[in-house]
Amino acid sequence: MEVRTLQYFLAVAEEQSFTRAAARCHVAQPAISQQIRSLERELGEALFDRDSRTVRLTAAGEALMPHARTVSAAVAAAKAEFAARSGLLTGTLSLGAADGVESSSLPALLGTFHRLYPGVTVHLVEGASAGLVPQVRQGSLDAVFVAVPPTGLDPGFGHRVLVRDEIVALVAADRPQARQAALSLREVSAAPLITYGPDSGLHPRLRRAFEEAEVPFRPAYSTNHVALQLELVAAGAGIALAAGGAGGITRDPRVTVVPVTPRIPYAKALVWRAGPHSSAPLRALLDLPPSAAEPSPSE
């Protein structure tokens, strides 16, 4: 049983297609088919159910999957480690970042990554969660920093939480609500509501919180830019619901930050497509310990 054959097996299982697996592995389709048939003969069981349109794992294939993933991950980790030891790790790490990334631990993590792997170019793409996550699934981005949806992430994704926070209300400092200890969602909804748009990863969490409180969720202004939310609040346009850790919200004297009740906690995470197809730079980033996300004393 060869490592390459197990990698071909994983590619077919994940792509559910011999054609797509061959393209991913940069080999001809007959070569993959031959290797899979050889593996099935060696194990004495069929690994895939095949028909004209689909390829599905058999019970034997399901049993082989965790072992194949373990072997492939170990080989990839060894290659990445020795590439780093010899200073040869190069390439591009493509990351997507939704709003709030500047207040997360990702910048410090990337700082440590650069010091360890200066030969890797990091390409950052800004956007909203709704547009970034599909790019990870398609492979055009290695990983993205997005809000974790209230229903959880796709089981095909791996993730590492980088932010735990909660939603707060932004109120003009001269309004009576600014002097309250907390605001209920019903009190917030009595004013024009300013908050994130439907393409934001925090939008589903806000909608669910309003539904659970039996309060209509009707944003009057939708923007993912917290700086613009602040300006709208200061101009008297309404009350905003924003991420508590968003940069600048506590430094503007025109606006007061007020807790929301019930609390609306959320998490933001680095999300990637799980499997052996991860790039060497991404594997190197994910191998960094949690302490690597802390700024160095000189920063």
Foldseek 3Di string as FASTA:
>chain_A
DDLVLLQLLQLCAVVQDLVRSCVLVVHDSVVNVVSQVVVCVVVVHHQWDDDPPGIHGDPVVVVCVVVSQVSLLVVLVVVLVVCLVVLNDAEEAEEEEEPPPVLWLVVLLVVLLCVSRVRYHYHYHYDAPLPPVVCQVVPVHFKYKAWAAPVGDDPQKDKDWTDKFWKWKKAFCPDPVLPDQEAEVQRQVVWAEEEADPRHRCVNLVCVSCVVVVHDDDHPHHDSDVVVVNVCNLVVRGMYIDTPSHPPRVVDPRIHIHHYPPIRMITIIIMHRDGSSRDSSVSVSVPDDPVSSDHDPVD
